[in-house]
Amino acid sequence: MKTEERRSIGNKEIKTIIMTAITGAAYGLLVGYGFEFNLGLGVLIGTLFGAAIGFRISRKPPKMRYPMGMLRRILFAATFLLVTSFGYSYLLDQNISLSQQLWAAVLPLLGWAAW
């Protein structure tokens, strides 16, 4: 008879689930804004979907075999890109001047370069 061993979720798995939930929330925010529906609903669905993916990859890592720390950094970079692109597109919709549009484009790049 085969017995299943239940293991508890460790600190690294919790970090992975939180990071994928944050990334999912950013995707939900961007999709909700792009398709002009309720942003809160998009963020909620994205967070739940991201947490489900995080739980899955923390239990059985993908076959690429990146270390989980590196995968979390990649997800953080993707989240940063999504949030800054959302902020830029939001600012462009606010009818700002040309110099303000330039600063809106340059400031996320400066933050990325400082990272």
PDB file of N, CA and C in Angstrom:
ATOM      1  N   MET A   1       0.834  -1.172   0.000  1.00  0.00           N
ATOM      2  CA  MET A   1       0.000   0.000   0.000  1.00  0.00           C
ATOM      3  C   MET A   1       0.887   1.246   0.000  1.00  0.00           C
ATOM      4  N   LYS A   2       0.564   2.135  -0.877  1.00  0.00           N
ATOM      5  CA  LYS A   2       1.355   3.351  -1.015  1.00  0.00           C
ATOM      6  C   LYS A   2       0.781   4.432  -0.094  1.00  0.00           C
ATOM      7  N   THR A   3       1.645   4.997   0.721  1.00  0.00           N
ATOM      8  CA  THR A   3       1.194   6.063   1.609  1.00  0.00           C
ATOM      9  C   THR A   3       1.738   7.389   1.102  1.00  0.00           C
ATOM     10  N   GLU A   4       0.895   8.383   1.188  1.00  0.00           N
ATOM     11  CA  GLU A   4       1.314   9.710   0.762  1.00  0.00           C
ATOM     12  C   GLU A   4       1.853  10.476   1.957  1.00  0.00           C
ATOM     13  N   GLU A   5       2.959  11.108   1.719  1.00  0.00           N
ATOM     14  CA  GLU A   5       3.556  11.905   2.766  1.00  0.00           C
ATOM     15  C   GLU A   5       3.122  13.351   2.581  1.00  0.00           C
ATOM     16  N   ARG A   6       2.542  13.914   3.593  1.00  0.00           N
ATOM     17  CA  ARG A   6       2.113  15.302   3.525  1.00  0.00           C
ATOM     18  C   ARG A   6       3.210  16.157   4.132  1.00  0.00           C
ATOM     19  N   ARG A   7       3.658  17.107   3.356  1.00  0.00           N
ATOM     20  CA  ARG A   7       4.670  17.996   3.892  1.00  0.00           C
ATOM     21  C   ARG A   7       4.081  19.393   4.029  1.00  0.00           C
ATOM     22  N   SER A   8       4.564  20.102   5.011  1.00  0.00           N
ATOM     23  CA  SER A   8       4.047  21.446   5.234  1.00  0.00           C
ATOM     24  C   SER A   8       4.730  22.431   4.282  1.00  0.00           C
ATOM     25  N   ILE A   9       4.117  23.558   4.110  1.00  0.00           N
ATOM     26  CA  ILE A   9       4.657  24.579   3.227  1.00  0.00           C
ATOM     27  C   ILE A   9       5.742  25.333   3.994  1.00  0.00           C
ATOM     28  N   GLY A  10       6.923  25.417   3.388  1.00  0.00           N
ATOM     29  CA  GLY A  10       8.043  26.088   4.022  1.00  0.00           C
ATOM     30  C   GLY A  10       8.123  27.556   3.652  1.00  0.00           C
ATOM     31  N   ASN A  11       9.161  28.197   4.151  1.00  0.00           N
ATOM     32  CA  ASN A  11       9.355  29.626   3.933  1.00  0.00           C
ATOM     33  C   ASN A  11       9.570  29.950   2.461  1.00  0.00           C
ATOM     34  N   LYS A  12      10.346  29.142   1.752  1.00  0.00           N
ATOM     35  CA  LYS A  12      10.599  29.388   0.335  1.00  0.00           C
ATOM     36  C   LYS A  12       9.331  29.242  -0.493  1.00  0.00           C
ATOM     37  N   GLU A  13       8.504  28.264  -0.152  1.00  0.00           N
ATOM     38  CA  GLU A  13       7.252  28.086  -0.878  1.00  0.00           C
ATOM     39  C   GLU A  13       6.302  29.251  -0.654  1.00  0.00           C
ATOM     40  N   ILE A  14       6.276  29.773   0.565  1.00  0.00           N
ATOM     41  CA  ILE A  14       5.417  30.917   0.860  1.00  0.00           C
ATOM     42  C   ILE A  14       5.875  32.135   0.068  1.00  0.00           C
ATOM     43  N   LYS A  15       7.204  32.338  -0.020  1.00  0.00           N
ATOM     44  CA  LYS A  15       7.728  33.456  -0.820  1.00  0.00           C
ATOM     45  C   LYS A  15       7.328  33.308  -2.282  1.00  0.00           C
ATOM     46  N   THR A  16       7.393  32.092  -2.804  1.00  0.00           N
ATOM     47  CA  THR A  16       7.022  31.857  -4.195  1.00  0.00           C
ATOM     48  C   THR A  16       5.545  32.131  -4.418  1.00  0.00           C
ATOM     49  N   ILE A  17       4.698  31.676  -3.517  1.00  0.00           N
ATOM     50  CA  ILE A  17       3.258  31.887  -3.657  1.00  0.00           C
ATOM     51  C   ILE A  17       2.926  33.377  -3.579  1.00  0.00           C
ATOM     52  N   ILE A  18       3.560  34.095  -2.669  1.00  0.00           N
ATOM     53  CA  ILE A  18       3.305  35.527  -2.542  1.00  0.00           C
ATOM     54  C   ILE A  18       3.761  36.269  -3.800  1.00  0.00           C
ATOM     55  N   MET A  19       4.936  35.916  -4.315  1.00  0.00           N
ATOM     56  CA  MET A  19       5.448  36.608  -5.502  1.00  0.00           C
ATOM     57  C   MET A  19       4.580  36.334  -6.724  1.00  0.00           C
ATOM     58  N   THR A  20       4.127  35.102  -6.900  1.00  0.00           N
ATOM     59  CA  THR A  20       3.260  34.816  -8.047  1.00  0.00           C
ATOM     60  C   THR A  20       1.891  35.463  -7.871  1.00  0.00           C
ATOM     61  N   ALA A  21       1.415  35.590  -6.636  1.00  0.00           N
ATOM     62  CA  ALA A  21       0.144  36.282  -6.402  1.00  0.00           C
ATOM     63  C   ALA A  21       0.267  37.758  -6.741  1.00  0.00           C
ATOM     64  N   ILE A  22       1.391  38.377  -6.387  1.00  0.00           N
ATOM     65  CA  ILE A  22       1.607  39.790  -6.723  1.00  0.00           C
ATOM     66  C   ILE A  22       1.709  39.965  -8.230  1.00  0.00           C
ATOM     67  N   THR A  23       2.416  39.052  -8.898  1.00  0.00           N
ATOM     68  CA  THR A  23       2.522  39.119 -10.354  1.00  0.00           C
ATOM     69  C   THR A  23       1.149  38.938 -10.996  1.00  0.00           C
ATOM     70  N   GLY A  24       0.362  38.001 -10.488  1.00  0.00           N
ATOM     71  CA  GLY A  24      -0.989  37.806 -11.000  1.00  0.00           C
ATOM     72  C   GLY A  24      -1.859  39.030 -10.795  1.00  0.00           C
ATOM     73  N   ALA A  25      -1.683  39.713  -9.655  1.00  0.00           N
ATOM     74  CA  ALA A  25      -2.442  40.934  -9.412  1.00  0.00           C
ATOM     75  C   ALA A  25      -2.072  42.017 -10.418  1.00  0.00           C
ATOM     76  N   ALA A  26      -0.778  42.101 -10.749  1.00  0.00           N
ATOM     77  CA  ALA A  26      -0.356  43.091 -11.748  1.00  0.00           C
ATOM     78  C   ALA A  26      -0.943  42.762 -13.123  1.00  0.00           C
ATOM     79  N   TYR A  27      -0.937  41.482 -13.484  1.00  0.00           N
ATOM     80  CA  TYR A  27      -1.559  41.080 -14.747  1.00  0.00           C
ATOM     81  C   TYR A  27      -3.052  41.401 -14.731  1.00  0.00           C
ATOM     82  N   GLY A  28      -3.724  41.115 -13.634  1.00  0.00           N
ATOM     83  CA  GLY A  28      -5.145  41.415 -13.528  1.00  0.00           C
ATOM     84  C   GLY A  28      -5.432  42.900 -13.628  1.00  0.00           C
ATOM     85  N   LEU A  29      -4.567  43.722 -13.021  1.00  0.00           N
ATOM     86  CA  LEU A  29      -4.728  45.165 -13.114  1.00  0.00           C
ATOM     87  C   LEU A  29      -4.578  45.631 -14.549  1.00  0.00           C
ATOM     88  N   LEU A  30      -3.579  45.130 -15.227  1.00  0.00           N
ATOM     89  CA  LEU A  30      -3.336  45.543 -16.607  1.00  0.00           C
ATOM     90  C   LEU A  30      -4.457  45.084 -17.538  1.00  0.00           C
ATOM     91  N   VAL A  31      -4.928  43.865 -17.369  1.00  0.00           N
ATOM     92  CA  VAL A  31      -6.016  43.359 -18.209  1.00  0.00           C
ATOM     93  C   VAL A  31      -7.310  44.102 -17.906  1.00  0.00           C
ATOM     94  N   GLY A  32      -7.580  44.346 -16.632  1.00  0.00           N
ATOM     95  CA  GLY A  32      -8.783  45.088 -16.261  1.00  0.00           C
ATOM     96  C   GLY A  32      -8.782  46.491 -16.819  1.00  0.00           C
ATOM     97  N   TYR A  33      -7.634  47.136 -16.810  1.00  0.00           N
ATOM     98  CA  TYR A  33      -7.541  48.487 -17.364  1.00  0.00           C
ATOM     99  C   TYR A  33      -7.624  48.455 -18.893  1.00  0.00           C
ATOM    100  N   GLY A  34      -6.988  47.483 -19.502  1.00  0.00           N
ATOM    101  CA  GLY A  34      -6.979  47.396 -20.963  1.00  0.00           C
ATOM    102  C   GLY A  34      -8.338  47.096 -21.553  1.00  0.00           C
ATOM    103  N   PHE A  35      -9.112  46.253 -20.878  1.00  0.00           N
ATOM    104  CA  PHE A  35     -10.434  45.900 -21.387  1.00  0.00           C
ATOM    105  C   PHE A  35     -11.553  46.694 -20.736  1.00  0.00           C
ATOM    106  N   GLU A  36     -11.186  47.673 -19.908  1.00  0.00           N
ATOM    107  CA  GLU A  36     -12.113  48.608 -19.283  1.00  0.00           C
ATOM    108  C   GLU A  36     -13.236  47.925 -18.505  1.00  0.00           C
ATOM    109  N   PHE A  37     -12.852  46.991 -17.645  1.00  0.00           N
ATOM    110  CA  PHE A  37     -13.834  46.466 -16.702  1.00  0.00           C
ATOM    111  C   PHE A  37     -13.325  46.713 -15.292  1.00  0.00           C
ATOM    112  N   ASN A  38     -14.039  46.252 -14.313  1.00  0.00           N
ATOM    113  CA  ASN A  38     -13.764  46.522 -12.913  1.00  0.00           C
ATOM    114  C   ASN A  38     -12.319  46.151 -12.557  1.00  0.00           C
ATOM    115  N   LEU A  39     -11.527  47.144 -12.158  1.00  0.00           N
ATOM    116  CA  LEU A  39     -10.123  46.897 -11.826  1.00  0.00           C
ATOM    117  C   LEU A  39      -9.977  46.015 -10.588  1.00  0.00           C
ATOM    118  N   GLY A  40     -10.846  46.216  -9.603  1.00  0.00           N
ATOM    119  CA  GLY A  40     -10.776  45.404  -8.386  1.00  0.00           C
ATOM    120  C   GLY A  40     -11.014  43.936  -8.678  1.00  0.00           C
ATOM    121  N   LEU A  41     -11.964  43.656  -9.549  1.00  0.00           N
ATOM    122  CA  LEU A  41     -12.239  42.267  -9.921  1.00  0.00           C
ATOM    123  C   LEU A  41     -11.062  41.667 -10.688  1.00  0.00           C
ATOM    124  N   GLY A  42     -10.455  42.458 -11.569  1.00  0.00           N
ATOM    125  CA  GLY A  42      -9.293  41.977 -12.314  1.00  0.00           C
ATOM    126  C   GLY A  42      -8.126  41.664 -11.394  1.00  0.00           C
ATOM    127  N   VAL A  43      -7.888  42.533 -10.404  1.00  0.00           N
ATOM    128  CA  VAL A  43      -6.802  42.308  -9.455  1.00  0.00           C
ATOM    129  C   VAL A  43      -7.083  41.078  -8.604  1.00  0.00           C
ATOM    130  N   LEU A  44      -8.332  40.918  -8.155  1.00  0.00           N
ATOM    131  CA  LEU A  44      -8.690  39.763  -7.330  1.00  0.00           C
ATOM    132  C   LEU A  44      -8.520  38.455  -8.095  1.00  0.00           C
ATOM    133  N   ILE A  45      -9.036  38.403  -9.311  1.00  0.00           N
ATOM    134  CA  ILE A  45      -8.905  37.180 -10.114  1.00  0.00           C
ATOM    135  C   ILE A  45      -7.446  36.909 -10.438  1.00  0.00           C
ATOM    136  N   GLY A  46      -6.682  37.958 -10.780  1.00  0.00           N
ATOM    137  CA  GLY A  46      -5.264  37.785 -11.058  1.00  0.00           C
ATOM    138  C   GLY A  46      -4.487  37.298  -9.851  1.00  0.00           C
ATOM    139  N   THR A  47      -4.812  37.825  -8.663  1.00  0.00           N
ATOM    140  CA  THR A  47      -4.142  37.385  -7.434  1.00  0.00           C
ATOM    141  C   THR A  47      -4.421  35.923  -7.151  1.00  0.00           C
ATOM    142  N   LEU A  48      -5.671  35.514  -7.260  1.00  0.00           N
ATOM    143  CA  LEU A  48      -6.022  34.113  -6.998  1.00  0.00           C
ATOM    144  C   LEU A  48      -5.382  33.180  -8.018  1.00  0.00           C
ATOM    145  N   PHE A  49      -5.386  33.585  -9.279  1.00  0.00           N
ATOM    146  CA  PHE A  49      -4.763  32.773 -10.318  1.00  0.00           C
ATOM    147  C   PHE A  49      -3.252  32.669 -10.103  1.00  0.00           C
ATOM    148  N   GLY A  50      -2.623  33.800  -9.752  1.00  0.00           N
ATOM    149  CA  GLY A  50      -1.187  33.788  -9.484  1.00  0.00           C
ATOM    150  C   GLY A  50      -0.831  32.935  -8.278  1.00  0.00           C
ATOM    151  N   ALA A  51      -1.650  33.000  -7.223  1.00  0.00           N
ATOM    152  CA  ALA A  51      -1.389  32.174  -6.040  1.00  0.00           C
ATOM    153  C   ALA A  51      -1.535  30.693  -6.365  1.00  0.00           C
ATOM    154  N   ALA A  52      -2.508  30.353  -7.214  1.00  0.00           N
ATOM    155  CA  ALA A  52      -2.677  28.949  -7.608  1.00  0.00           C
ATOM    156  C   ALA A  52      -1.466  28.459  -8.402  1.00  0.00           C
ATOM    157  N   ILE A  53      -0.967  29.301  -9.292  1.00  0.00           N
ATOM    158  CA  ILE A  53       0.230  28.918 -10.049  1.00  0.00           C
ATOM    159  C   ILE A  53       1.427  28.802  -9.115  1.00  0.00           C
ATOM    160  N   GLY A  54       1.560  29.731  -8.174  1.00  0.00           N
ATOM    161  CA  GLY A  54       2.663  29.672  -7.208  1.00  0.00           C
ATOM    162  C   GLY A  54       2.616  28.422  -6.361  1.00  0.00           C
ATOM    163  N   PHE A  55       1.421  28.023  -5.946  1.00  0.00           N
ATOM    164  CA  PHE A  55       1.297  26.792  -5.161  1.00  0.00           C
ATOM    165  C   PHE A  55       1.716  25.586  -5.993  1.00  0.00           C
ATOM    166  N   ARG A  56       1.329  25.601  -7.257  1.00  0.00           N
ATOM    167  CA  ARG A  56       1.667  24.484  -8.151  1.00  0.00           C
ATOM    168  C   ARG A  56       3.167  24.386  -8.392  1.00  0.00           C
ATOM    169  N   ILE A  57       3.823  25.527  -8.688  1.00  0.00           N
ATOM    170  CA  ILE A  57       5.249  25.430  -8.972  1.00  0.00           C
ATOM    171  C   ILE A  57       6.085  25.275  -7.716  1.00  0.00           C
ATOM    172  N   SER A  58       5.538  25.599  -6.548  1.00  0.00           N
ATOM    173  CA  SER A  58       6.298  25.340  -5.325  1.00  0.00           C
ATOM    174  C   SER A  58       6.238  23.859  -4.955  1.00  0.00           C
ATOM    175  N   ARG A  59       5.178  23.163  -5.353  1.00  0.00           N
ATOM    176  CA  ARG A  59       5.079  21.726  -5.090  1.00  0.00           C
ATOM    177  C   ARG A  59       5.853  20.893  -6.103  1.00  0.00           C
ATOM    178  N   LYS A  60       5.742  21.284  -7.364  1.00  0.00           N
ATOM    179  CA  LYS A  60       6.448  20.562  -8.426  1.00  0.00           C
ATOM    180  C   LYS A  60       7.068  21.586  -9.358  1.00  0.00           C
ATOM    181  N   PRO A  61       8.371  21.882  -9.178  1.00  0.00           N
ATOM    182  CA  PRO A  61       9.008  22.933  -9.979  1.00  0.00           C
ATOM    183  C   PRO A  61       8.982  22.607 -11.468  1.00  0.00           C
ATOM    184  N   PRO A  62       9.029  23.643 -12.310  1.00  0.00           N
ATOM    185  CA  PRO A  62       9.047  23.413 -13.756  1.00  0.00           C
ATOM    186  C   PRO A  62      10.306  22.664 -14.182  1.00  0.00           C
ATOM    187  N   LYS A  63      10.275  22.092 -15.372  1.00  0.00           N
ATOM    188  CA  LYS A  63      11.394  21.280 -15.840  1.00  0.00           C
ATOM    189  C   LYS A  63      12.631  22.090 -16.197  1.00  0.00           C
ATOM    190  N   MET A  64      12.512  23.423 -16.292  1.00  0.00           N
ATOM    191  CA  MET A  64      13.680  24.233 -16.612  1.00  0.00           C
ATOM    192  C   MET A  64      14.685  24.209 -15.470  1.00  0.00           C
ATOM    193  N   ARG A  65      14.230  23.970 -14.305  1.00  0.00           N
ATOM    194  CA  ARG A  65      15.071  23.819 -13.117  1.00  0.00           C
ATOM    195  C   ARG A  65      15.865  25.071 -12.766  1.00  0.00           C
ATOM    196  N   TYR A  66      15.245  26.229 -12.941  1.00  0.00           N
ATOM    197  CA  TYR A  66      15.845  27.430 -12.392  1.00  0.00           C
ATOM    198  C   TYR A  66      15.717  27.356 -10.880  1.00  0.00           C
ATOM    199  N   PRO A  67      16.657  27.894 -10.162  1.00  0.00           N
ATOM    200  CA  PRO A  67      16.466  27.977  -8.710  1.00  0.00           C
ATOM    201  C   PRO A  67      15.265  28.870  -8.402  1.00  0.00           C
ATOM    202  N   MET A  68      14.536  28.557  -7.360  1.00  0.00           N
ATOM    203  CA  MET A  68      13.326  29.320  -7.036  1.00  0.00           C
ATOM    204  C   MET A  68      13.634  30.785  -6.757  1.00  0.00           C
ATOM    205  N   GLY A  69      14.791  31.071  -6.187  1.00  0.00           N
ATOM    206  CA  GLY A  69      15.159  32.466  -5.949  1.00  0.00           C
ATOM    207  C   GLY A  69      15.254  33.242  -7.251  1.00  0.00           C
ATOM    208  N   MET A  70      15.827  32.618  -8.278  1.00  0.00           N
ATOM    209  CA  MET A  70      15.937  33.286  -9.572  1.00  0.00           C
ATOM    210  C   MET A  70      14.565  33.429 -10.221  1.00  0.00           C
ATOM    211  N   LEU A  71      13.722  32.432 -10.077  1.00  0.00           N
ATOM    212  CA  LEU A  71      12.366  32.515 -10.625  1.00  0.00           C
ATOM    213  C   LEU A  71      11.580  33.641  -9.960  1.00  0.00           C
ATOM    214  N   ARG A  72      11.760  33.812  -8.647  1.00  0.00           N
ATOM    215  CA  ARG A  72      11.084  34.916  -7.964  1.00  0.00           C
ATOM    216  C   ARG A  72      11.591  36.268  -8.458  1.00  0.00           C
ATOM    217  N   ARG A  73      12.891  36.368  -8.738  1.00  0.00           N
ATOM    218  CA  ARG A  73      13.438  37.621  -9.273  1.00  0.00           C
ATOM    219  C   ARG A  73      12.882  37.913 -10.665  1.00  0.00           C
ATOM    220  N   ILE A  74      12.741  36.881 -11.470  1.00  0.00           N
ATOM    221  CA  ILE A  74      12.158  37.053 -12.807  1.00  0.00           C
ATOM    222  C   ILE A  74      10.715  37.525 -12.685  1.00  0.00           C
ATOM    223  N   LEU A  75       9.962  36.944 -11.764  1.00  0.00           N
ATOM    224  CA  LEU A  75       8.580  37.364 -11.556  1.00  0.00           C
ATOM    225  C   LEU A  75       8.510  38.796 -11.037  1.00  0.00           C
ATOM    226  N   PHE A  76       9.456  39.182 -10.181  1.00  0.00           N
ATOM    227  CA  PHE A  76       9.486  40.552  -9.687  1.00  0.00           C
ATOM    228  C   PHE A  76       9.751  41.526 -10.830  1.00  0.00           C
ATOM    229  N   ALA A  77      10.668  41.176 -11.719  1.00  0.00           N
ATOM    230  CA  ALA A  77      10.966  42.041 -12.869  1.00  0.00           C
ATOM    231  C   ALA A  77       9.749  42.162 -13.779  1.00  0.00           C
ATOM    232  N   ALA A  78       9.035  41.064 -13.986  1.00  0.00           N
ATOM    233  CA  ALA A  78       7.828  41.102 -14.816  1.00  0.00           C
ATOM    234  C   ALA A  78       6.757  41.969 -14.160  1.00  0.00           C
ATOM    235  N   THR A  79       6.609  41.866 -12.853  1.00  0.00           N
ATOM    236  CA  THR A  79       5.638  42.684 -12.135  1.00  0.00           C
ATOM    237  C   THR A  79       5.999  44.157 -12.234  1.00  0.00           C
ATOM    238  N   PHE A  80       7.281  44.467 -12.063  1.00  0.00           N
ATOM    239  CA  PHE A  80       7.738  45.857 -12.171  1.00  0.00           C
ATOM    240  C   PHE A  80       7.451  46.411 -13.557  1.00  0.00           C
ATOM    241  N   LEU A  81       7.703  45.608 -14.581  1.00  0.00           N
ATOM    242  CA  LEU A  81       7.435  46.037 -15.953  1.00  0.00           C
ATOM    243  C   LEU A  81       5.946  46.285 -16.164  1.00  0.00           C
ATOM    244  N   LEU A  82       5.106  45.393 -15.673  1.00  0.00           N
ATOM    245  CA  LEU A  82       3.667  45.556 -15.850  1.00  0.00           C
ATOM    246  C   LEU A  82       3.128  46.784 -15.127  1.00  0.00           C
ATOM    247  N   VAL A  83       3.577  47.000 -13.905  1.00  0.00           N
ATOM    248  CA  VAL A  83       3.068  48.131 -13.132  1.00  0.00           C
ATOM    249  C   VAL A  83       3.528  49.454 -13.741  1.00  0.00           C
ATOM    250  N   THR A  84       4.782  49.525 -14.187  1.00  0.00           N
ATOM    251  CA  THR A  84       5.247  50.766 -14.797  1.00  0.00           C
ATOM    252  C   THR A  84       4.569  51.015 -16.145  1.00  0.00           C
ATOM    253  N   SER A  85       4.311  49.963 -16.915  1.00  0.00           N
ATOM    254  CA  SER A  85       3.604  50.171 -18.183  1.00  0.00           C
ATOM    255  C   SER A  85       2.158  50.588 -17.931  1.00  0.00           C
ATOM    256  N   PHE A  86       1.539  50.061 -16.877  1.00  0.00           N
ATOM    257  CA  PHE A  86       0.196  50.504 -16.512  1.00  0.00           C
ATOM    258  C   PHE A  86       0.216  51.975 -16.116  1.00  0.00           C
ATOM    259  N   GLY A  87       1.178  52.372 -15.293  1.00  0.00           N
ATOM    260  CA  GLY A  87       1.278  53.765 -14.874  1.00  0.00           C
ATOM    261  C   GLY A  87       1.505  54.696 -16.051  1.00  0.00           C
ATOM    262  N   TYR A  88       2.337  54.267 -16.993  1.00  0.00           N
ATOM    263  CA  TYR A  88       2.608  55.098 -18.161  1.00  0.00           C
ATOM    264  C   TYR A  88       1.355  55.243 -19.023  1.00  0.00           C
ATOM    265  N   SER A  89       0.658  54.150 -19.272  1.00  0.00           N
ATOM    266  CA  SER A  89      -0.547  54.246 -20.103  1.00  0.00           C
ATOM    267  C   SER A  89      -1.638  55.051 -19.391  1.00  0.00           C
ATOM    268  N   TYR A  90      -1.706  54.946 -18.078  1.00  0.00           N
ATOM    269  CA  TYR A  90      -2.677  55.742 -17.324  1.00  0.00           C
ATOM    270  C   TYR A  90      -2.350  57.221 -17.433  1.00  0.00           C
ATOM    271  N   LEU A  91      -1.062  57.572 -17.297  1.00  0.00           N
ATOM    272  CA  LEU A  91      -0.669  58.972 -17.401  1.00  0.00           C
ATOM    273  C   LEU A  91      -0.906  59.528 -18.798  1.00  0.00           C
ATOM    274  N   LEU A  92      -0.724  58.723 -19.826  1.00  0.00           N
ATOM    275  CA  LEU A  92      -0.983  59.205 -21.177  1.00  0.00           C
ATOM    276  C   LEU A  92      -2.457  59.513 -21.401  1.00  0.00           C
ATOM    277  N   ASP A  93      -3.331  58.789 -20.696  1.00  0.00           N
ATOM    278  CA  ASP A  93      -4.766  59.045 -20.818  1.00  0.00           C
ATOM    279  C   ASP A  93      -5.202  60.304 -20.094  1.00  0.00           C
ATOM    280  N   GLN A  94      -4.325  60.896 -19.295  1.00  0.00           N
ATOM    281  CA  GLN A  94      -4.686  62.072 -18.505  1.00  0.00           C
ATOM    282  C   GLN A  94      -4.422  63.395 -19.230  1.00  0.00           C
ATOM    283  N   ASN A  95      -4.085  63.350 -20.517  1.00  0.00           N
ATOM    284  CA  ASN A  95      -3.830  64.551 -21.321  1.00  0.00           C
ATOM    285  C   ASN A  95      -2.763  65.448 -20.700  1.00  0.00           C
ATOM    286  N   ILE A  96      -1.601  64.877 -20.459  1.00  0.00           N
ATOM    287  CA  ILE A  96      -0.497  65.649 -19.896  1.00  0.00           C
ATOM    288  C   ILE A  96       0.335  66.237 -21.036  1.00  0.00           C
ATOM    289  N   SER A  97       1.157  67.224 -20.700  1.00  0.00           N
ATOM    290  CA  SER A  97       1.952  67.910 -21.724  1.00  0.00           C
ATOM    291  C   SER A  97       3.064  66.991 -22.239  1.00  0.00           C
ATOM    292  N   LEU A  98       3.730  67.434 -23.296  1.00  0.00           N
ATOM    293  CA  LEU A  98       4.772  66.620 -23.924  1.00  0.00           C
ATOM    294  C   LEU A  98       5.964  66.412 -22.994  1.00  0.00           C
ATOM    295  N   SER A  99       6.359  67.453 -22.256  1.00  0.00           N
ATOM    296  CA  SER A  99       7.485  67.286 -21.326  1.00  0.00           C
ATOM    297  C   SER A  99       7.107  66.351 -20.174  1.00  0.00           C
ATOM    298  N   GLN A 100       5.864  66.398 -19.718  1.00  0.00           N
ATOM    299  CA  GLN A 100       5.415  65.478 -18.672  1.00  0.00           C
ATOM    300  C   GLN A 100       5.357  64.049 -19.195  1.00  0.00           C
ATOM    301  N   GLN A 101       5.006  63.875 -20.462  1.00  0.00           N
ATOM    302  CA  GLN A 101       5.025  62.543 -21.059  1.00  0.00           C
ATOM    303  C   GLN A 101       6.443  61.991 -21.111  1.00  0.00           C
ATOM    304  N   LEU A 102       7.412  62.863 -21.404  1.00  0.00           N
ATOM    305  CA  LEU A 102       8.812  62.437 -21.415  1.00  0.00           C
ATOM    306  C   LEU A 102       9.252  61.984 -20.030  1.00  0.00           C
ATOM    307  N   TRP A 103       8.925  62.760 -19.002  1.00  0.00           N
ATOM    308  CA  TRP A 103       9.278  62.360 -17.642  1.00  0.00           C
ATOM    309  C   TRP A 103       8.558  61.077 -17.225  1.00  0.00           C
ATOM    310  N   ALA A 104       7.337  60.925 -17.668  1.00  0.00           N
ATOM    311  CA  ALA A 104       6.597  59.698 -17.344  1.00  0.00           C
ATOM    312  C   ALA A 104       7.262  58.478 -17.966  1.00  0.00           C
ATOM    313  N   ALA A 105       7.921  58.661 -19.102  1.00  0.00           N
ATOM    314  CA  ALA A 105       8.619  57.549 -19.748  1.00  0.00           C
ATOM    315  C   ALA A 105      10.002  57.319 -19.154  1.00  0.00           C
ATOM    316  N   VAL A 106      10.680  58.390 -18.719  1.00  0.00           N
ATOM    317  CA  VAL A 106      12.059  58.275 -18.250  1.00  0.00           C
ATOM    318  C   VAL A 106      12.137  57.789 -16.800  1.00  0.00           C
ATOM    319  N   LEU A 107      11.225  58.202 -15.953  1.00  0.00           N
ATOM    320  CA  LEU A 107      11.317  57.850 -14.538  1.00  0.00           C
ATOM    321  C   LEU A 107      11.286  56.346 -14.265  1.00  0.00           C
ATOM    322  N   PRO A 108      10.429  55.549 -14.917  1.00  0.00           N
ATOM    323  CA  PRO A 108      10.517  54.104 -14.688  1.00  0.00           C
ATOM    324  C   PRO A 108      11.853  53.515 -15.145  1.00  0.00           C
ATOM    325  N   LEU A 109      12.425  54.086 -16.198  1.00  0.00           N
ATOM    326  CA  LEU A 109      13.735  53.607 -16.656  1.00  0.00           C
ATOM    327  C   LEU A 109      14.817  53.915 -15.630  1.00  0.00           C
ATOM    328  N   LEU A 110      14.743  55.080 -14.999  1.00  0.00           N
ATOM    329  CA  LEU A 110      15.716  55.421 -13.957  1.00  0.00           C
ATOM    330  C   LEU A 110      15.584  54.484 -12.753  1.00  0.00           C
ATOM    331  N   GLY A 111      14.343  54.160 -12.391  1.00  0.00           N
ATOM    332  CA  GLY A 111      14.136  53.209 -11.299  1.00  0.00           C
ATOM    333  C   GLY A 111      14.653  51.819 -11.639  1.00  0.00           C
ATOM    334  N   TRP A 112      14.477  51.417 -12.874  1.00  0.00           N
ATOM    335  CA  TRP A 112      14.975  50.113 -13.308  1.00  0.00           C
ATOM    336  C   TRP A 112      16.499  50.103 -13.299  1.00  0.00           C
ATOM    337  N   ALA A 113      17.114  51.198 -13.780  1.00  0.00           N
ATOM    338  CA  ALA A 113      18.571  51.263 -13.817  1.00  0.00           C
ATOM    339  C   ALA A 113      19.164  51.278 -12.409  1.00  0.00           C
ATOM    340  N   ALA A 114      18.470  51.914 -11.482  1.00  0.00           N
ATOM    341  CA  ALA A 114      18.950  51.945 -10.086  1.00  0.00           C
ATOM    342  C   ALA A 114      18.812  50.602  -9.406  1.00  0.00           C
ATOM    343  N   TRP A 115      17.899  49.794  -9.856  1.00  0.00           N
ATOM    344  CA  TRP A 115      17.677  48.485  -9.243  1.00  0.00           C
ATOM    345  C   TRP A 115      18.878  47.620  -9.456  1.00  0.00           C
TER     346      TRP A 115
END
